[in-house]
């Protein structure tokens, strides 16, 4: 593979950069600081990139995310106490979106665990993808809680590139560079694949609400894949479009919509909590109580009744009184409406409930709506 002709950016003393950063510079991306990384926020423009993913195909450099390779006898069983989801039901080639919980039932991080099956020695293998901002904390939490278990954790975060290829044409675009057939891979399915003759890991997952794949490879292969996808017409996308896409799909952003003070039941993630099919886990007693007594607040979808945009941190009002705060908000490119997520008291969480959002000292009308705001017709079956 020919070496990149991209100019060499100066090394930043404070921000980290992914191996694909030179390509972002080469393609004149607008850059921003995000979770300690210098990342592209947009290339051609957020609206154009958003539209490409909804109607065609786009790609994102998400190499900043944490990547843990886990291995050990009864790996799934040893991870069971750390999450509210039943991992033992996972078959090889399947994955589970779930959360790490603290003893108060609060969300340490939201993660995806990919179960890769058992090898000839009887050891189970799995990949775990975690958020960039919480990687160090997650690693320490996992290592501390798995200290007595025969499980090894290898941090591949800085060794591997992660590229998300998302949109209705994602499968066709990526297939051209992958030896294995991607057609049988269902949503949340994954496989160890061959890309340009080199080993890689491909999962049918994403953070856009569309069909798509996330590809983990060595940096040299990642550079080649990015250039090849670009030359085949795939639109490069930045964090700006990733945020508008995930918000339309009502996917939570860690640190804004969910954190250590919010439980999965409050956040509308009750489908991750499998109280009936698994034993004890960290935070179980809190979630059992919330399940029986009901939560005091809920994360709801809000639609503004006008063009004013509800942003993160704006107060949510009811009859002139502050009752909550916007966690995420934007103008939806697909719907042409201002949408937001916010925690409100349970008695105000019903669809159709009128509310107001305070913007620069003035109250503007809004209403609670069903989540997600947008649901793709192109997503494959699980």
Protein backbone atom coordinates (compact mmCIF):
# COMPACT_ATOMS: atom_id res chain seq x y z
CA UNK A 1 0.00 0.00 0.00
CA UNK A 2 1.37 3.42 -0.95
CA UNK A 3 2.13 5.79 1.90
CA UNK A 4 -0.21 8.71 2.45
CA UNK A 5 0.76 12.01 0.86
CA UNK A 6 -1.15 13.89 3.55
CA UNK A 7 0.64 16.75 5.29
CA UNK A 8 1.93 15.92 8.75
CA UNK A 9 -0.05 17.91 11.34
CA UNK A 10 1.78 19.27 14.35
CA UNK A 11 1.56 17.08 17.43
CA UNK A 12 -0.86 18.52 19.96
CA UNK A 13 0.42 18.38 23.55
CA UNK A 14 -3.08 17.99 25.00
CA UNK A 15 -5.35 16.24 22.49
CA UNK A 16 -5.00 12.69 21.22
CA UNK A 17 -5.38 11.86 17.53
CA UNK A 18 -6.49 8.66 15.82
CA UNK A 19 -4.36 6.96 13.15
CA UNK A 20 -6.83 8.31 10.56
CA UNK A 21 -6.32 11.92 11.67
CA UNK A 22 -3.98 12.73 8.73
CA UNK A 23 -6.80 11.79 6.33
CA UNK A 24 -9.15 14.22 8.05
CA UNK A 25 -6.55 16.95 7.60
CA UNK A 26 -6.03 15.92 3.98
CA UNK A 27 -9.78 16.13 3.36
CA UNK A 28 -9.92 19.56 5.03
CA UNK A 29 -12.27 18.45 7.80
CA UNK A 30 -13.28 20.98 10.43
CA UNK A 31 -11.81 19.73 13.70
CA UNK A 32 -12.98 19.89 17.32
CA UNK A 33 -11.98 18.65 20.76
CA UNK A 34 -14.04 15.68 21.96
CA UNK A 35 -13.37 13.56 25.06
CA UNK A 36 -9.67 14.40 24.96
CA UNK A 37 -9.35 13.76 21.22
CA UNK A 38 -9.02 16.07 18.23
CA UNK A 39 -11.73 14.80 15.92
CA UNK A 40 -13.45 15.88 12.66
CA UNK A 41 -16.78 17.54 13.44
CA UNK A 42 -17.70 17.87 9.75
CA UNK A 43 -16.34 17.49 6.22
CA UNK A 44 -18.77 18.71 3.54
CA UNK A 45 -21.32 19.90 6.12
CA UNK A 46 -23.48 18.33 8.81
CA UNK A 47 -26.69 18.44 6.76
CA UNK A 48 -25.12 16.84 3.71
CA UNK A 49 -23.38 14.16 5.77
CA UNK A 50 -26.58 13.40 7.70
CA UNK A 51 -28.53 13.06 4.45
CA UNK A 52 -25.89 10.73 2.99
CA UNK A 53 -26.30 8.29 5.90
CA UNK A 54 -30.10 8.41 5.78
CA UNK A 55 -30.33 7.90 2.00
CA UNK A 56 -27.06 6.35 0.83
CA UNK A 57 -23.90 5.67 2.86
CA UNK A 58 -21.46 7.55 5.04
CA UNK A 59 -18.41 6.63 7.13
CA UNK A 60 -17.07 7.82 10.47
CA UNK A 61 -13.70 7.52 12.15
CA UNK A 62 -14.61 6.24 15.63
CA UNK A 63 -11.13 4.96 16.47
CA UNK A 64 -11.15 7.05 19.66
CA UNK A 65 -13.54 4.57 21.29
CA UNK A 66 -12.25 2.01 23.78
CA UNK A 67 -11.69 -1.53 22.51
CA UNK A 68 -11.18 -4.40 24.98
CA UNK A 69 -10.45 -8.01 24.02
CA UNK A 70 -11.61 -10.36 26.79
CA UNK A 71 -10.71 -14.01 27.18
CA UNK A 72 -11.19 -16.68 29.82
CA UNK A 73 -13.06 -19.75 30.93
CA UNK A 74 -16.74 -18.97 31.53
CA UNK A 75 -16.17 -15.38 30.41
CA UNK A 76 -19.88 -14.61 30.05
CA UNK A 77 -20.60 -15.92 33.55
CA UNK A 78 -17.84 -13.78 35.06
CA UNK A 79 -19.24 -10.66 33.35
CA UNK A 80 -22.78 -11.38 34.53
CA UNK A 81 -22.50 -9.55 37.90
CA UNK A 82 -21.30 -6.35 36.19
CA UNK A 83 -24.30 -5.77 33.89
CA UNK A 84 -28.10 -6.03 34.21
CA UNK A 85 -28.41 -7.98 30.94
CA UNK A 86 -28.25 -11.78 30.67
CA UNK A 87 -25.08 -12.44 28.67
CA UNK A 88 -25.26 -16.23 29.02
CA UNK A 89 -27.97 -16.41 26.35
CA UNK A 90 -25.60 -14.95 23.75
CA UNK A 91 -24.54 -17.36 21.04
CA UNK A 92 -21.20 -17.02 19.26
CA UNK A 93 -21.48 -14.25 16.69
CA UNK A 94 -24.11 -12.29 18.67
CA UNK A 95 -23.81 -9.14 20.76
CA UNK A 96 -25.58 -7.29 23.57
CA UNK A 97 -25.87 -3.55 24.09
CA UNK A 98 -25.83 -3.05 27.85
CA UNK A 99 -24.54 -0.88 30.69
CA UNK A 100 -21.99 -1.12 33.48
CA UNK A 101 -23.66 -0.19 36.77
CA UNK A 102 -22.49 1.15 40.12
CA UNK A 103 -24.04 -0.04 43.41
CA UNK A 104 -26.65 2.74 43.21
CA UNK A 105 -27.84 1.43 39.84
CA UNK A 106 -26.24 4.41 38.07
CA UNK A 107 -24.71 3.96 34.63
CA UNK A 108 -20.90 3.93 34.62
CA UNK A 109 -20.94 3.53 30.84
CA UNK A 110 -22.99 2.06 28.03
CA UNK A 111 -21.16 -0.65 26.11
CA UNK A 112 -21.55 -3.37 23.52
CA UNK A 113 -20.29 -6.87 24.32
CA UNK A 114 -19.60 -9.07 21.31
CA UNK A 115 -19.44 -12.78 22.16
CA UNK A 116 -17.01 -14.62 19.87
CA UNK A 117 -17.46 -18.13 21.22
CA UNK A 118 -15.23 -20.78 22.73
CA UNK A 119 -11.86 -21.83 21.39
CA UNK A 120 -10.29 -25.32 21.35
CA UNK A 121 -8.88 -24.85 24.84
CA UNK A 122 -12.32 -24.15 26.31
CA UNK A 123 -11.73 -20.44 26.79
CA UNK A 124 -14.42 -17.98 25.74
CA UNK A 125 -13.56 -14.82 23.79
CA UNK A 126 -15.33 -11.51 23.44
CA UNK A 127 -14.86 -7.90 22.38
CA UNK A 128 -16.17 -4.95 24.37
CA UNK A 129 -16.51 -1.45 22.89
CA UNK A 130 -16.73 1.39 25.41
CA UNK A 131 -16.88 5.18 25.23
CA UNK A 132 -13.68 7.17 24.73
CA UNK A 133 -14.17 9.45 27.74
CA UNK A 134 -14.71 6.52 30.12
CA UNK A 135 -12.17 4.03 28.73
CA UNK A 136 -9.65 4.35 31.57
CA UNK A 137 -12.35 4.24 34.25
CA UNK A 138 -14.11 1.31 32.57
CA UNK A 139 -10.86 -0.62 32.31
CA UNK A 140 -10.12 -0.11 36.00
CA UNK A 141 -13.69 -1.04 36.96
CA UNK A 142 -13.64 -4.21 34.88
CA UNK A 143 -10.16 -5.22 36.03
CA UNK A 144 -11.05 -4.64 39.68
CA UNK A 145 -14.25 -6.64 39.50
CA UNK A 146 -12.67 -9.44 37.47
CA UNK A 147 -9.53 -9.58 39.62
CA UNK A 148 -10.34 -13.00 41.09
CA UNK A 149 -11.66 -14.41 37.81
CA UNK A 150 -9.58 -16.32 35.24
CA UNK A 151 -10.22 -13.58 32.67
CA UNK A 152 -7.68 -11.52 30.74
CA UNK A 153 -8.40 -8.02 29.41
CA UNK A 154 -6.31 -6.70 26.54
CA UNK A 155 -6.72 -3.00 25.76
CA UNK A 156 -6.57 -2.61 21.98
CA UNK A 157 -7.77 0.99 22.01
CA UNK A 158 -4.58 2.52 20.62
CA UNK A 159 -3.66 -0.45 18.45
CA UNK A 160 -6.76 -0.68 16.29
CA UNK A 161 -8.72 1.59 13.97
CA UNK A 162 -12.52 1.58 14.13
CA UNK A 163 -14.53 2.77 11.12
CA UNK A 164 -18.34 2.96 11.06
CA UNK A 165 -19.91 2.50 7.61
CA UNK A 166 -23.57 3.49 7.92
CA UNK A 167 -26.62 3.82 5.68
CA UNK A 168 -28.87 1.85 3.30
CA UNK A 169 -25.93 1.18 0.97
CA UNK A 170 -23.46 0.29 3.74
CA UNK A 171 -23.45 -3.45 3.07
CA UNK A 172 -22.88 -3.08 -0.67
CA UNK A 173 -20.16 -0.46 -0.18
CA UNK A 174 -18.21 -2.43 2.42
CA UNK A 175 -18.66 -5.83 0.73
CA UNK A 176 -16.37 -4.79 -2.13
CA UNK A 177 -13.38 -4.89 0.23
CA UNK A 178 -14.30 -7.86 2.43
CA UNK A 179 -13.64 -11.49 1.48
CA UNK A 180 -16.48 -12.98 3.52
CA UNK A 181 -20.16 -12.61 2.58
CA UNK A 182 -21.81 -9.97 4.79
CA UNK A 183 -25.36 -10.85 3.73
CA UNK A 184 -26.05 -13.43 6.50
CA UNK A 185 -24.87 -11.07 9.27
CA UNK A 186 -27.91 -9.89 11.22
CA UNK A 187 -28.20 -6.76 13.33
CA UNK A 188 -25.81 -7.07 16.29
CA UNK A 189 -24.15 -10.00 14.51
CA UNK A 190 -20.39 -9.98 13.95
CA UNK A 191 -17.57 -11.99 12.46
CA UNK A 192 -13.82 -12.16 12.11
CA UNK A 193 -13.27 -11.19 8.50
CA UNK A 194 -10.59 -10.69 5.87
CA UNK A 195 -10.14 -7.15 4.57
CA UNK A 196 -7.55 -6.55 1.86
CA UNK A 197 -6.14 -9.93 2.81
CA UNK A 198 -5.66 -8.91 6.45
CA UNK A 199 -7.63 -9.99 9.55
CA UNK A 200 -10.36 -7.71 10.87
CA UNK A 201 -13.46 -7.66 13.04
CA UNK A 202 -16.80 -6.56 11.55
CA UNK A 203 -20.05 -6.00 13.46
CA UNK A 204 -23.47 -5.00 12.14
CA UNK A 205 -23.87 -2.27 14.71
CA UNK A 206 -23.84 1.53 14.73
CA UNK A 207 -24.96 4.76 16.32
CA UNK A 208 -27.05 6.30 13.56
CA UNK A 209 -30.38 4.46 13.53
CA UNK A 210 -29.56 3.06 10.08
CA UNK A 211 -28.24 -0.26 8.85
CA UNK A 212 -24.46 -0.32 8.99
CA UNK A 213 -21.24 -1.90 10.13
CA UNK A 214 -18.36 -1.10 12.45
CA UNK A 215 -14.99 -2.36 11.26
CA UNK A 216 -11.95 -2.88 13.51
CA UNK A 217 -8.60 -3.36 11.79
CA UNK A 218 -4.92 -2.47 12.08
CA UNK A 219 -4.11 1.19 11.27
CA UNK A 220 -2.52 0.45 7.88
CA UNK A 221 -5.57 -1.53 6.78
CA UNK A 222 -7.83 1.19 8.16
CA UNK A 223 -6.07 3.84 6.10
CA UNK A 224 -6.46 1.70 2.98
CA UNK A 225 -10.12 0.97 3.72
CA UNK A 226 -10.95 4.65 4.33
CA UNK A 227 -9.32 5.70 1.05
CA UNK A 228 -11.00 2.88 -0.86
CA UNK A 229 -14.43 3.70 0.54
CA UNK A 230 -13.87 7.38 -0.21
CA UNK A 231 -12.87 6.61 -3.80
CA UNK A 232 -15.98 4.44 -4.21
CA UNK A 233 -18.24 7.36 -3.28
CA UNK A 234 -18.81 6.88 0.45
CA UNK A 235 -19.31 10.23 2.19
CA UNK A 236 -16.89 10.99 5.06
CA UNK A 237 -18.83 12.19 8.12
CA UNK A 238 -17.89 13.89 11.36
CA UNK A 239 -19.16 14.04 14.92
CA UNK A 240 -21.77 16.68 14.05
CA UNK A 241 -23.77 14.36 11.79
CA UNK A 242 -23.19 11.47 14.17
CA UNK A 243 -24.91 13.50 16.89
CA UNK A 244 -27.94 14.53 14.80
CA UNK A 245 -28.34 10.98 13.50
CA UNK A 246 -28.18 9.32 16.92
CA UNK A 247 -30.55 11.89 18.45
CA UNK A 248 -33.18 11.29 15.75
CA UNK A 249 -32.93 7.61 16.68
CA UNK A 250 -33.16 8.58 20.41
CA UNK A 251 -29.86 6.89 21.18
CA UNK A 252 -28.37 8.09 24.46
CA UNK A 253 -25.10 9.99 24.63
CA UNK A 254 -23.05 9.08 27.68
CA UNK A 255 -22.26 12.09 29.83
CA UNK A 256 -25.37 13.95 28.67
CA UNK A 257 -28.42 11.67 28.51
CA UNK A 258 -27.07 9.00 30.84
CA UNK A 259 -24.44 9.02 33.59
CA UNK A 260 -23.70 7.64 37.06
CA UNK A 261 -26.74 9.43 38.53
CA UNK A 262 -29.23 7.90 36.07
CA UNK A 263 -30.47 4.31 36.08
CA UNK A 264 -31.38 2.31 32.97
CA UNK A 265 -35.04 2.28 34.04
CA UNK A 266 -35.11 6.09 34.27
CA UNK A 267 -33.34 6.36 30.92
CA UNK A 268 -35.85 4.21 29.03
CA UNK A 269 -33.39 1.32 28.84
CA UNK A 270 -35.55 -1.13 30.76
CA UNK A 271 -35.17 -3.66 27.95
CA UNK A 272 -31.55 -4.12 29.06
CA UNK A 273 -32.59 -5.16 32.57
CA UNK A 274 -33.25 -8.91 32.72
CA UNK A 275 -34.35 -9.33 36.34
CA UNK A 276 -36.24 -12.56 35.66
CA UNK A 277 -33.52 -14.49 33.85
CA UNK A 278 -30.32 -13.82 35.77
CA UNK A 279 -29.00 -13.78 39.32
CA UNK A 280 -27.42 -11.03 41.35
CA UNK A 281 -25.60 -8.11 39.76
CA UNK A 282 -24.26 -4.76 40.91
CA UNK A 283 -27.17 -2.36 41.42
CA UNK A 284 -29.86 -5.06 41.24
CA UNK A 285 -31.60 -4.11 44.51
CA UNK A 286 -32.01 -0.50 43.36
CA UNK A 287 -33.49 -1.57 40.01
CA UNK A 288 -35.79 -4.09 41.70
CA UNK A 289 -37.12 -1.30 43.91
CA UNK A 290 -37.59 1.04 40.94
CA UNK A 291 -39.30 -1.71 39.00
CA UNK A 292 -41.86 -2.33 41.76
CA UNK A 293 -42.32 1.25 43.01
CA UNK A 294 -41.90 3.02 39.68
CA UNK A 295 -39.27 5.59 38.75
CA UNK A 296 -39.62 9.20 39.88
CA UNK A 297 -38.41 10.62 36.56
CA UNK A 298 -38.10 9.49 32.96
CA UNK A 299 -36.08 10.43 29.91
CA UNK A 300 -38.63 11.58 27.33
CA UNK A 301 -38.64 12.78 23.76
CA UNK A 302 -39.66 16.39 23.27
CA UNK A 303 -40.69 18.21 20.11
CA UNK A 304 -40.67 21.99 20.02
CA UNK A 305 -43.82 23.67 18.74
CA UNK A 306 -41.85 26.02 16.52
CA UNK A 307 -38.35 26.52 15.15
CA UNK A 308 -36.64 27.40 18.44
CA UNK A 309 -34.08 24.75 19.36
CA UNK A 310 -33.87 23.24 22.84
CA UNK A 311 -30.19 22.79 23.70
CA UNK A 312 -28.36 20.81 26.36
CA UNK A 313 -28.87 22.38 29.78
CA UNK A 314 -31.99 24.42 28.95
CA UNK A 315 -34.65 24.30 31.70
CA UNK A 316 -37.86 22.34 31.10
CA UNK A 317 -40.91 24.09 32.53
CA UNK A 318 -44.46 23.10 33.41
CA UNK A 319 -46.91 25.85 34.25
CA UNK A 320 -43.99 28.20 34.67
CA UNK A 321 -42.07 25.99 37.12
CA UNK A 322 -38.78 24.26 36.33
CA UNK A 323 -39.32 20.49 36.33
CA UNK A 324 -36.29 19.23 34.44
CA UNK A 325 -33.46 19.98 32.07
CA UNK A 326 -32.75 19.23 28.41
CA UNK A 327 -29.99 16.63 28.03
CA UNK A 328 -29.69 16.72 24.22
CA UNK A 329 -31.35 18.84 21.55
CA UNK A 330 -31.02 19.73 17.87
CA UNK A 331 -32.90 20.67 14.73
CA UNK A 332 -33.66 17.32 13.08
CA UNK A 333 -32.45 17.42 9.45
CA UNK A 334 -34.73 14.51 8.50
CA UNK A 335 -37.90 15.75 10.20
CA UNK A 336 -37.32 19.50 9.90
CA UNK A 337 -38.36 19.89 13.55
CA UNK A 338 -36.53 20.82 16.75
CA UNK A 339 -36.25 17.71 18.94
CA UNK A 340 -34.77 17.04 22.36
CA UNK A 341 -34.37 14.56 25.19
CA UNK A 342 -35.00 15.55 28.82
CA UNK A 343 -35.67 14.04 32.22
CA UNK A 344 -39.06 15.03 33.64
CA UNK A 345 -41.15 13.80 36.60
CA UNK A 346 -43.04 10.59 35.82
CA UNK A 347 -46.39 12.36 36.02
CA UNK A 348 -45.32 14.62 33.12
CA UNK A 349 -43.81 11.86 30.97
CA UNK A 350 -46.91 10.80 29.00
CA UNK A 351 -46.94 11.29 25.23
CA UNK A 352 -48.87 14.46 24.42
CA UNK A 353 -47.95 16.22 27.68
CA UNK A 354 -47.49 19.96 27.01
CA UNK A 355 -44.31 21.54 28.41
CA UNK A 356 -42.20 24.63 27.85
CA UNK A 357 -38.48 25.08 27.25
CA UNK A 358 -36.78 28.18 28.62
CA UNK A 359 -34.52 29.74 26.01
CA UNK A 360 -32.66 32.92 26.96
CA UNK A 361 -35.20 33.79 29.63
CA UNK A 362 -38.34 33.14 27.56
CA UNK A 363 -40.60 30.08 27.61
CA UNK A 364 -41.43 28.33 24.32
CA UNK A 365 -44.06 25.58 23.89
CA UNK A 366 -43.07 21.94 23.50
CA UNK A 367 -44.76 18.56 23.77
CA UNK A 368 -43.71 15.07 24.86
CA UNK A 369 -43.58 12.71 21.86
CA UNK A 370 -42.92 9.04 21.34
CA UNK A 371 -39.34 7.84 20.93
CA UNK A 372 -37.54 7.35 18.65
CA UNK A 373 -38.19 10.49 16.66
CA UNK A 374 -37.16 8.64 13.48
CA UNK A 375 -37.24 4.92 12.70
CA UNK A 376 -35.45 3.61 9.62
CA UNK A 377 -37.13 1.14 7.26
CA UNK A 378 -33.73 -0.19 6.21
CA UNK A 379 -32.49 -1.79 9.44
CA UNK A 380 -31.99 -5.58 9.29
CA UNK A 381 -33.57 -8.05 11.67
CA UNK A 382 -31.77 -8.99 14.88
